[in-house]
mmCIF file of all heavy atoms, coordinates in Angstrom:
data_MODEL
# 
_entry.id   MODEL 
# 
loop_
_atom_site.group_PDB 
_atom_site.id 
_atom_site.type_symbol 
_atom_site.label_atom_id 
_atom_site.label_alt_id 
_atom_site.label_comp_id 
_atom_site.label_asym_id 
_atom_site.label_entity_id 
_atom_site.label_seq_id 
_atom_site.pdbx_PDB_ins_code 
_atom_site.Cartn_x 
_atom_site.Cartn_y 
_atom_site.Cartn_z 
_atom_site.occupancy 
_atom_site.B_iso_or_equiv 
_atom_site.pdbx_formal_charge 
_atom_site.auth_seq_id 
_atom_site.auth_comp_id 
_atom_site.auth_asym_id 
_atom_site.auth_atom_id 
_atom_site.pdbx_PDB_model_num 
ATOM 1   N N   . GLY A 1 1  ? 18.798 -15.586 -5.118  1.00 0.00 ? 1  GLY A N   1 
ATOM 2   C CA  . GLY A 1 1  ? 19.271 -16.636 -6.007  1.00 0.00 ? 1  GLY A CA  1 
ATOM 3   C C   . GLY A 1 1  ? 18.323 -17.802 -6.162  1.00 0.00 ? 1  GLY A C   1 
ATOM 4   O O   . GLY A 1 1  ? 18.566 -18.690 -6.977  1.00 0.00 ? 1  GLY A O   1 
ATOM 5   N N   . VAL A 1 2  ? 17.236 -17.809 -5.392  1.00 0.00 ? 2  VAL A N   1 
ATOM 6   C CA  . VAL A 1 2  ? 16.286 -18.908 -5.491  1.00 0.00 ? 2  VAL A CA  1 
ATOM 7   C C   . VAL A 1 2  ? 15.270 -18.636 -6.594  1.00 0.00 ? 2  VAL A C   1 
ATOM 8   O O   . VAL A 1 2  ? 14.727 -17.556 -6.689  1.00 0.00 ? 2  VAL A O   1 
ATOM 9   C CB  . VAL A 1 2  ? 15.564 -19.101 -4.149  1.00 0.00 ? 2  VAL A CB  1 
ATOM 10  C CG1 . VAL A 1 2  ? 14.193 -19.707 -4.324  1.00 0.00 ? 2  VAL A CG1 1 
ATOM 11  C CG2 . VAL A 1 2  ? 16.389 -19.995 -3.282  1.00 0.00 ? 2  VAL A CG2 1 
ATOM 12  N N   . LEU A 1 3  ? 15.024 -19.644 -7.420  1.00 0.00 ? 3  LEU A N   1 
ATOM 13  C CA  . LEU A 1 3  ? 14.036 -19.492 -8.484  1.00 0.00 ? 3  LEU A CA  1 
ATOM 14  C C   . LEU A 1 3  ? 12.872 -20.454 -8.318  1.00 0.00 ? 3  LEU A C   1 
ATOM 15  O O   . LEU A 1 3  ? 11.733 -20.092 -8.541  1.00 0.00 ? 3  LEU A O   1 
ATOM 16  C CB  . LEU A 1 3  ? 14.705 -19.721 -9.854  1.00 0.00 ? 3  LEU A CB  1 
ATOM 17  C CG  . LEU A 1 3  ? 15.929 -18.847 -10.151 1.00 0.00 ? 3  LEU A CG  1 
ATOM 18  C CD1 . LEU A 1 3  ? 16.465 -19.174 -11.535 1.00 0.00 ? 3  LEU A CD1 1 
ATOM 19  C CD2 . LEU A 1 3  ? 15.598 -17.377 -10.035 1.00 0.00 ? 3  LEU A CD2 1 
ATOM 20  N N   . ARG A 1 4  ? 13.136 -21.684 -7.955  1.00 0.00 ? 4  ARG A N   1 
ATOM 21  C CA  . ARG A 1 4  ? 12.077 -22.675 -7.747  1.00 0.00 ? 4  ARG A CA  1 
ATOM 22  C C   . ARG A 1 4  ? 12.407 -23.502 -6.517  1.00 0.00 ? 4  ARG A C   1 
ATOM 23  O O   . ARG A 1 4  ? 13.516 -24.019 -6.397  1.00 0.00 ? 4  ARG A O   1 
ATOM 24  C CB  . ARG A 1 4  ? 11.958 -23.620 -8.952  1.00 0.00 ? 4  ARG A CB  1 
ATOM 25  C CG  . ARG A 1 4  ? 11.660 -22.931 -10.273 1.00 0.00 ? 4  ARG A CG  1 
ATOM 26  C CD  . ARG A 1 4  ? 10.235 -22.423 -10.330 1.00 0.00 ? 4  ARG A CD  1 
ATOM 27  N NE  . ARG A 1 4  ? 9.958  -21.779 -11.605 1.00 0.00 ? 4  ARG A NE  1 
ATOM 28  C CZ  . ARG A 1 4  ? 8.993  -20.879 -11.796 1.00 0.00 ? 4  ARG A CZ  1 
ATOM 29  N NH1 . ARG A 1 4  ? 8.229  -20.524 -10.786 1.00 0.00 ? 4  ARG A NH1 1 
ATOM 30  N NH2 . ARG A 1 4  ? 8.791  -20.342 -12.966 1.00 0.00 ? 4  ARG A NH2 1 
ATOM 31  N N   . THR A 1 5  ? 11.458 -23.647 -5.617  1.00 0.00 ? 5  THR A N   1 
ATOM 32  C CA  . THR A 1 5  ? 11.666 -24.432 -4.406  1.00 0.00 ? 5  THR A CA  1 
ATOM 33  C C   . THR A 1 5  ? 10.508 -25.408 -4.221  1.00 0.00 ? 5  THR A C   1 
ATOM 34  O O   . THR A 1 5  ? 9.445  -25.236 -4.808  1.00 0.00 ? 5  THR A O   1 
ATOM 35  C CB  . THR A 1 5  ? 11.766 -23.526 -3.183  1.00 0.00 ? 5  THR A CB  1 
ATOM 36  O OG1 . THR A 1 5  ? 10.598 -22.714 -3.118  1.00 0.00 ? 5  THR A OG1 1 
ATOM 37  C CG2 . THR A 1 5  ? 12.992 -22.635 -3.269  1.00 0.00 ? 5  THR A CG2 1 
ATOM 38  N N   . PRO A 1 6  ? 10.700 -26.456 -3.401  1.00 0.00 ? 6  PRO A N   1 
ATOM 39  C CA  . PRO A 1 6  ? 9.629  -27.437 -3.203  1.00 0.00 ? 6  PRO A CA  1 
ATOM 40  C C   . PRO A 1 6  ? 8.388  -26.802 -2.580  1.00 0.00 ? 6  PRO A C   1 
ATOM 41  O O   . PRO A 1 6  ? 8.471  -25.739 -1.956  1.00 0.00 ? 6  PRO A O   1 
ATOM 42  C CB  . PRO A 1 6  ? 10.260 -28.455 -2.249  1.00 0.00 ? 6  PRO A CB  1 
ATOM 43  C CG  . PRO A 1 6  ? 11.726 -28.287 -2.418  1.00 0.00 ? 6  PRO A CG  1 
ATOM 44  C CD  . PRO A 1 6  ? 11.929 -26.831 -2.701  1.00 0.00 ? 6  PRO A CD  1 
ATOM 45  N N   . PRO A 1 7  ? 7.232  -27.433 -2.744  1.00 0.00 ? 7  PRO A N   1 
ATOM 46  C CA  . PRO A 1 7  ? 6.000  -26.913 -2.132  1.00 0.00 ? 7  PRO A CA  1 
ATOM 47  C C   . PRO A 1 7  ? 6.144  -26.771 -0.623  1.00 0.00 ? 7  PRO A C   1 
ATOM 48  O O   . PRO A 1 7  ? 6.893  -27.513 0.021   1.00 0.00 ? 7  PRO A O   1 
ATOM 49  C CB  . PRO A 1 7  ? 4.952  -27.981 -2.490  1.00 0.00 ? 7  PRO A CB  1 
ATOM 50  C CG  . PRO A 1 7  ? 5.504  -28.670 -3.695  1.00 0.00 ? 7  PRO A CG  1 
ATOM 51  C CD  . PRO A 1 7  ? 6.995  -28.659 -3.527  1.00 0.00 ? 7  PRO A CD  1 
ATOM 52  N N   . ALA A 1 8  ? 5.436  -25.810 -0.061  1.00 0.00 ? 8  ALA A N   1 
ATOM 53  C CA  . ALA A 1 8  ? 5.497  -25.562 1.383   1.00 0.00 ? 8  ALA A CA  1 
ATOM 54  C C   . ALA A 1 8  ? 5.149  -26.832 2.154   1.00 0.00 ? 8  ALA A C   1 
ATOM 55  O O   . ALA A 1 8  ? 4.232  -27.571 1.786   1.00 0.00 ? 8  ALA A O   1 
ATOM 56  C CB  . ALA A 1 8  ? 4.538  -24.435 1.760   1.00 0.00 ? 8  ALA A CB  1 
ATOM 57  N N   . GLY A 1 9  ? 5.911  -27.080 3.220   1.00 0.00 ? 9  GLY A N   1 
ATOM 58  C CA  . GLY A 1 9  ? 5.637  -28.227 4.072   1.00 0.00 ? 9  GLY A CA  1 
ATOM 59  C C   . GLY A 1 9  ? 6.281  -29.517 3.632   1.00 0.00 ? 9  GLY A C   1 
ATOM 60  O O   . GLY A 1 9  ? 6.117  -30.546 4.286   1.00 0.00 ? 9  GLY A O   1 
ATOM 61  N N   . THR A 1 10 ? 7.036  -29.488 2.511   1.00 0.00 ? 10 THR A N   1 
ATOM 62  C CA  . THR A 1 10 ? 7.654  -30.724 2.017   1.00 0.00 ? 10 THR A CA  1 
ATOM 63  C C   . THR A 1 10 ? 9.168  -30.728 2.191   1.00 0.00 ? 10 THR A C   1 
ATOM 64  O O   . THR A 1 10 ? 9.823  -31.707 1.834   1.00 0.00 ? 10 THR A O   1 
ATOM 65  C CB  . THR A 1 10 ? 7.328  -30.957 0.536   1.00 0.00 ? 10 THR A CB  1 
ATOM 66  O OG1 . THR A 1 10 ? 7.892  -29.893 -0.245  1.00 0.00 ? 10 THR A OG1 1 
ATOM 67  C CG2 . THR A 1 10 ? 5.830  -31.021 0.316   1.00 0.00 ? 10 THR A CG2 1 
ATOM 68  N N   . GLY A 1 11 ? 9.733  -29.659 2.729   1.00 0.00 ? 11 GLY A N   1 
ATOM 69  C CA  . GLY A 1 11 ? 11.183 -29.608 2.888   1.00 0.00 ? 11 GLY A CA  1 
ATOM 70  C C   . GLY A 1 11 ? 11.598 -28.663 3.986   1.00 0.00 ? 11 GLY A C   1 
ATOM 71  O O   . GLY A 1 11 ? 10.793 -27.902 4.518   1.00 0.00 ? 11 GLY A O   1 
ATOM 72  N N   . SER A 1 12 ? 12.873 -28.729 4.349   1.00 0.00 ? 12 SER A N   1 
ATOM 73  C CA  . SER A 1 12 ? 13.406 -27.841 5.373   1.00 0.00 ? 12 SER A CA  1 
ATOM 74  C C   . SER A 1 12 ? 14.848 -27.502 5.041   1.00 0.00 ? 12 SER A C   1 
ATOM 75  O O   . SER A 1 12 ? 15.565 -28.270 4.394   1.00 0.00 ? 12 SER A O   1 
ATOM 76  C CB  . SER A 1 12 ? 13.343 -28.495 6.759   1.00 0.00 ? 12 SER A CB  1 
ATOM 77  O OG  . SER A 1 12 ? 14.168 -29.647 6.807   1.00 0.00 ? 12 SER A OG  1 
ATOM 78  N N   . LEU A 1 13 ? 15.256 -26.326 5.483   1.00 0.00 ? 13 LEU A N   1 
ATOM 79  C CA  . LEU A 1 13 ? 16.621 -25.849 5.295   1.00 0.00 ? 13 LEU A CA  1 
ATOM 80  C C   . LEU A 1 13 ? 17.202 -25.470 6.648   1.00 0.00 ? 13 LEU A C   1 
ATOM 81  O O   . LEU A 1 13 ? 16.549 -24.801 7.439   1.00 0.00 ? 13 LEU A O   1 
ATOM 82  C CB  . LEU A 1 13 ? 16.638 -24.617 4.378   1.00 0.00 ? 13 LEU A CB  1 
ATOM 83  C CG  . LEU A 1 13 ? 17.927 -23.784 4.391   1.00 0.00 ? 13 LEU A CG  1 
ATOM 84  C CD1 . LEU A 1 13 ? 19.055 -24.531 3.713   1.00 0.00 ? 13 LEU A CD1 1 
ATOM 85  C CD2 . LEU A 1 13 ? 17.692 -22.438 3.724   1.00 0.00 ? 13 LEU A CD2 1 
ATOM 86  N N   . ASP A 1 14 ? 18.429 -25.922 6.924   1.00 0.00 ? 14 ASP A N   1 
ATOM 87  C CA  . ASP A 1 14 ? 19.148 -25.512 8.131   1.00 0.00 ? 14 ASP A CA  1 
ATOM 88  C C   . ASP A 1 14 ? 20.531 -25.026 7.724   1.00 0.00 ? 14 ASP A C   1 
ATOM 89  O O   . ASP A 1 14 ? 21.148 -25.585 6.799   1.00 0.00 ? 14 ASP A O   1 
ATOM 90  C CB  . ASP A 1 14 ? 19.305 -26.682 9.114   1.00 0.00 ? 14 ASP A CB  1 
ATOM 91  C CG  . ASP A 1 14 ? 18.010 -27.020 9.816   1.00 0.00 ? 14 ASP A CG  1 
ATOM 92  O OD1 . ASP A 1 14 ? 17.475 -26.138 10.521  1.00 0.00 ? 14 ASP A OD1 1 
ATOM 93  O OD2 . ASP A 1 14 ? 17.529 -28.155 9.645   1.00 0.00 ? 14 ASP A OD2 1 
ATOM 94  N N   . ARG A 1 15 ? 21.008 -24.008 8.415   1.00 0.00 ? 15 ARG A N   1 
ATOM 95  C CA  . ARG A 1 15 ? 22.362 -23.514 8.195   1.00 0.00 ? 15 ARG A CA  1 
ATOM 96  C C   . ARG A 1 15 ? 23.087 -23.398 9.523   1.00 0.00 ? 15 ARG A C   1 
ATOM 97  O O   . ARG A 1 15 ? 22.476 -23.129 10.545  1.00 0.00 ? 15 ARG A O   1 
ATOM 98  C CB  . ARG A 1 15 ? 22.335 -22.145 7.510   1.00 0.00 ? 15 ARG A CB  1 
ATOM 99  C CG  . ARG A 1 15 ? 21.985 -22.203 6.034   1.00 0.00 ? 15 ARG A CG  1 
ATOM 100 C CD  . ARG A 1 15 ? 21.985 -20.798 5.458   1.00 0.00 ? 15 ARG A CD  1 
ATOM 101 N NE  . ARG A 1 15 ? 21.762 -20.832 4.022   1.00 0.00 ? 15 ARG A NE  1 
ATOM 102 C CZ  . ARG A 1 15 ? 21.575 -19.757 3.278   1.00 0.00 ? 15 ARG A CZ  1 
ATOM 103 N NH1 . ARG A 1 15 ? 21.571 -18.566 3.845   1.00 0.00 ? 15 ARG A NH1 1 
ATOM 104 N NH2 . ARG A 1 15 ? 21.385 -19.865 1.986   1.00 0.00 ? 15 ARG A NH2 1 
ATOM 105 N N   . ARG A 1 16 ? 24.395 -23.584 9.456   1.00 0.00 ? 16 ARG A N   1 
ATOM 106 C CA  . ARG A 1 16 ? 25.224 -23.425 10.637  1.00 0.00 ? 16 ARG A CA  1 
ATOM 107 C C   . ARG A 1 16 ? 26.517 -22.702 10.250  1.00 0.00 ? 16 ARG A C   1 
ATOM 108 O O   . ARG A 1 16 ? 27.053 -22.911 9.161   1.00 0.00 ? 16 ARG A O   1 
ATOM 109 C CB  . ARG A 1 16 ? 25.587 -24.784 11.259  1.00 0.00 ? 16 ARG A CB  1 
ATOM 110 C CG  . ARG A 1 16 ? 24.418 -25.549 11.829  1.00 0.00 ? 16 ARG A CG  1 
ATOM 111 C CD  . ARG A 1 16 ? 23.801 -24.868 13.038  1.00 0.00 ? 16 ARG A CD  1 
ATOM 112 N NE  . ARG A 1 16 ? 22.733 -25.655 13.626  1.00 0.00 ? 16 ARG A NE  1 
ATOM 113 C CZ  . ARG A 1 16 ? 21.458 -25.602 13.239  1.00 0.00 ? 16 ARG A CZ  1 
ATOM 114 N NH1 . ARG A 1 16 ? 21.098 -24.800 12.245  1.00 0.00 ? 16 ARG A NH1 1 
ATOM 115 N NH2 . ARG A 1 16 ? 20.541 -26.346 13.838  1.00 0.00 ? 16 ARG A NH2 1 
ATOM 116 N N   . ALA A 1 17 ? 27.021 -21.873 11.150  1.00 0.00 ? 17 ALA A N   1 
ATOM 117 C CA  . ALA A 1 17 ? 28.304 -21.219 10.938  1.00 0.00 ? 17 ALA A CA  1 
ATOM 118 C C   . ALA A 1 17 ? 29.431 -22.224 11.173  1.00 0.00 ? 17 ALA A C   1 
ATOM 119 O O   . ALA A 1 17 ? 29.306 -23.126 11.999  1.00 0.00 ? 17 ALA A O   1 
ATOM 120 C CB  . ALA A 1 17 ? 28.448 -20.028 11.875  1.00 0.00 ? 17 ALA A CB  1 
ATOM 121 N N   . PRO A 1 18 ? 30.560 -22.071 10.482  1.00 0.00 ? 18 PRO A N   1 
ATOM 122 C CA  . PRO A 1 18 ? 31.689 -22.973 10.701  1.00 0.00 ? 18 PRO A CA  1 
ATOM 123 C C   . PRO A 1 18 ? 32.462 -22.586 11.948  1.00 0.00 ? 18 PRO A C   1 
ATOM 124 O O   . PRO A 1 18 ? 32.229 -21.528 12.550  1.00 0.00 ? 18 PRO A O   1 
ATOM 125 C CB  . PRO A 1 18 ? 32.541 -22.748 9.446   1.00 0.00 ? 18 PRO A CB  1 
ATOM 126 C CG  . PRO A 1 18 ? 32.299 -21.300 9.116   1.00 0.00 ? 18 PRO A CG  1 
ATOM 127 C CD  . PRO A 1 18 ? 30.835 -21.077 9.438   1.00 0.00 ? 18 PRO A CD  1 
ATOM 128 N N   . ALA A 1 19 ? 33.407 -23.423 12.347  1.00 0.00 ? 19 ALA A N   1 
ATOM 129 C CA  . ALA A 1 19 ? 34.316 -23.083 13.437  1.00 0.00 ? 19 ALA A CA  1 
ATOM 130 C C   . ALA A 1 19 ? 35.063 -21.797 13.082  1.00 0.00 ? 19 ALA A C   1 
ATOM 131 O O   . ALA A 1 19 ? 35.380 -21.565 11.911  1.00 0.00 ? 19 ALA A O   1 
ATOM 132 C CB  . ALA A 1 19 ? 35.304 -24.220 13.670  1.00 0.00 ? 19 ALA A CB  1 
ATOM 133 N N   . PRO A 1 20 ? 35.357 -20.945 14.081  1.00 0.00 ? 20 PRO A N   1 
ATOM 134 C CA  . PRO A 1 20 ? 36.005 -19.652 13.791  1.00 0.00 ? 20 PRO A CA  1 
ATOM 135 C C   . PRO A 1 20 ? 37.265 -19.762 12.952  1.00 0.00 ? 20 PRO A C   1 
ATOM 136 O O   . PRO A 1 20 ? 37.530 -18.898 12.110  1.00 0.00 ? 20 PRO A O   1 
ATOM 137 C CB  . PRO A 1 20 ? 36.296 -19.107 15.192  1.00 0.00 ? 20 PRO A CB  1 
ATOM 138 C CG  . PRO A 1 20 ? 35.230 -19.701 16.055  1.00 0.00 ? 20 PRO A CG  1 
ATOM 139 C CD  . PRO A 1 20 ? 35.009 -21.086 15.503  1.00 0.00 ? 20 PRO A CD  1 
ATOM 140 N N   . VAL A 1 21 ? 38.051 -20.815 13.143  1.00 0.00 ? 21 VAL A N   1 
ATOM 141 C CA  . VAL A 1 21 ? 39.294 -20.957 12.394  1.00 0.00 ? 21 VAL A CA  1 
ATOM 142 C C   . VAL A 1 21 ? 39.038 -21.125 10.900  1.00 0.00 ? 21 VAL A C   1 
ATOM 143 O O   . VAL A 1 21 ? 39.918 -20.842 10.070  1.00 0.00 ? 21 VAL A O   1 
ATOM 144 C CB  . VAL A 1 21 ? 40.117 -22.149 12.949  1.00 0.00 ? 21 VAL A CB  1 
ATOM 145 C CG1 . VAL A 1 21 ? 39.441 -23.471 12.622  1.00 0.00 ? 21 VAL A CG1 1 
ATOM 146 C CG2 . VAL A 1 21 ? 41.545 -22.118 12.412  1.00 0.00 ? 21 VAL A CG2 1 
ATOM 147 N N   . LEU A 1 22 ? 37.841 -21.554 10.517  1.00 0.00 ? 22 LEU A N   1 
ATOM 148 C CA  . LEU A 1 22 ? 37.514 -21.794 9.113   1.00 0.00 ? 22 LEU A CA  1 
ATOM 149 C C   . LEU A 1 22 ? 36.859 -20.598 8.427   1.00 0.00 ? 22 LEU A C   1 
ATOM 150 O O   . LEU A 1 22 ? 36.634 -20.627 7.215   1.00 0.00 ? 22 LEU A O   1 
ATOM 151 C CB  . LEU A 1 22 ? 36.575 -23.002 8.994   1.00 0.00 ? 22 LEU A CB  1 
ATOM 152 C CG  . LEU A 1 22 ? 37.176 -24.351 9.368   1.00 0.00 ? 22 LEU A CG  1 
ATOM 153 C CD1 . LEU A 1 22 ? 36.090 -25.424 9.414   1.00 0.00 ? 22 LEU A CD1 1 
ATOM 154 C CD2 . LEU A 1 22 ? 38.270 -24.749 8.375   1.00 0.00 ? 22 LEU A CD2 1 
ATOM 155 N N   . VAL A 1 23 ? 36.560 -19.546 9.188   1.00 0.00 ? 23 VAL A N   1 
ATOM 156 C CA  . VAL A 1 23 ? 35.808 -18.411 8.633   1.00 0.00 ? 23 VAL A CA  1 
ATOM 157 C C   . VAL A 1 23 ? 36.445 -17.802 7.383   1.00 0.00 ? 23 VAL A C   1 
ATOM 158 O O   . VAL A 1 23 ? 35.725 -17.404 6.463   1.00 0.00 ? 23 VAL A O   1 
ATOM 159 C CB  . VAL A 1 23 ? 35.588 -17.343 9.724   1.00 0.00 ? 23 VAL A CB  1 
ATOM 160 C CG1 . VAL A 1 23 ? 35.085 -16.033 9.123   1.00 0.00 ? 23 VAL A CG1 1 
ATOM 161 C CG2 . VAL A 1 23 ? 34.579 -17.860 10.752  1.00 0.00 ? 23 VAL A CG2 1 
ATOM 162 N N   . PRO A 1 24 ? 37.785 -17.721 7.260   1.00 0.00 ? 24 PRO A N   1 
ATOM 163 C CA  . PRO A 1 24 ? 38.322 -17.168 6.012   1.00 0.00 ? 24 PRO A CA  1 
ATOM 164 C C   . PRO A 1 24 ? 37.990 -18.003 4.774   1.00 0.00 ? 24 PRO A C   1 
ATOM 165 O O   . PRO A 1 24 ? 38.011 -17.490 3.662   1.00 0.00 ? 24 PRO A O   1 
ATOM 166 C CB  . PRO A 1 24 ? 39.833 -17.151 6.256   1.00 0.00 ? 24 PRO A CB  1 
ATOM 167 C CG  . PRO A 1 24 ? 39.979 -17.149 7.738   1.00 0.00 ? 24 PRO A CG  1 
ATOM 168 C CD  . PRO A 1 24 ? 38.837 -17.990 8.236   1.00 0.00 ? 24 PRO A CD  1 
ATOM 169 N N   . TYR A 1 25 ? 37.666 -19.286 4.981   1.00 0.00 ? 25 TYR A N   1 
ATOM 170 C CA  . TYR A 1 25 ? 37.470 -20.193 3.859   1.00 0.00 ? 25 TYR A CA  1 
ATOM 171 C C   . TYR A 1 25 ? 36.028 -20.664 3.686   1.00 0.00 ? 25 TYR A C   1 
ATOM 172 O O   . TYR A 1 25 ? 35.623 -21.019 2.578   1.00 0.00 ? 25 TYR A O   1 
ATOM 173 C CB  . TYR A 1 25 ? 38.358 -21.437 4.045   1.00 0.00 ? 25 TYR A CB  1 
ATOM 174 C CG  . TYR A 1 25 ? 39.796 -21.117 4.340   1.00 0.00 ? 25 TYR A CG  1 
ATOM 175 C CD1 . TYR A 1 25 ? 40.334 -21.307 5.605   1.00 0.00 ? 25 TYR A CD1 1 
ATOM 176 C CD2 . TYR A 1 25 ? 40.624 -20.590 3.350   1.00 0.00 ? 25 TYR A CD2 1 
ATOM 177 C CE1 . TYR A 1 25 ? 41.658 -20.997 5.889   1.00 0.00 ? 25 TYR A CE1 1 
ATOM 178 C CE2 . TYR A 1 25 ? 41.948 -20.280 3.614   1.00 0.00 ? 25 TYR A CE2 1 
ATOM 179 C CZ  . TYR A 1 25 ? 42.453 -20.480 4.889   1.00 0.00 ? 25 TYR A CZ  1 
ATOM 180 O OH  . TYR A 1 25 ? 43.760 -20.159 5.154   1.00 0.00 ? 25 TYR A OH  1 
# 
């Protein structure tokens, strides 16, 4: 789904899973 992203070294992405109770949503 990514088409254009910032130049290398200028940004960062982090992801985290939600609490188990929230997984359905």
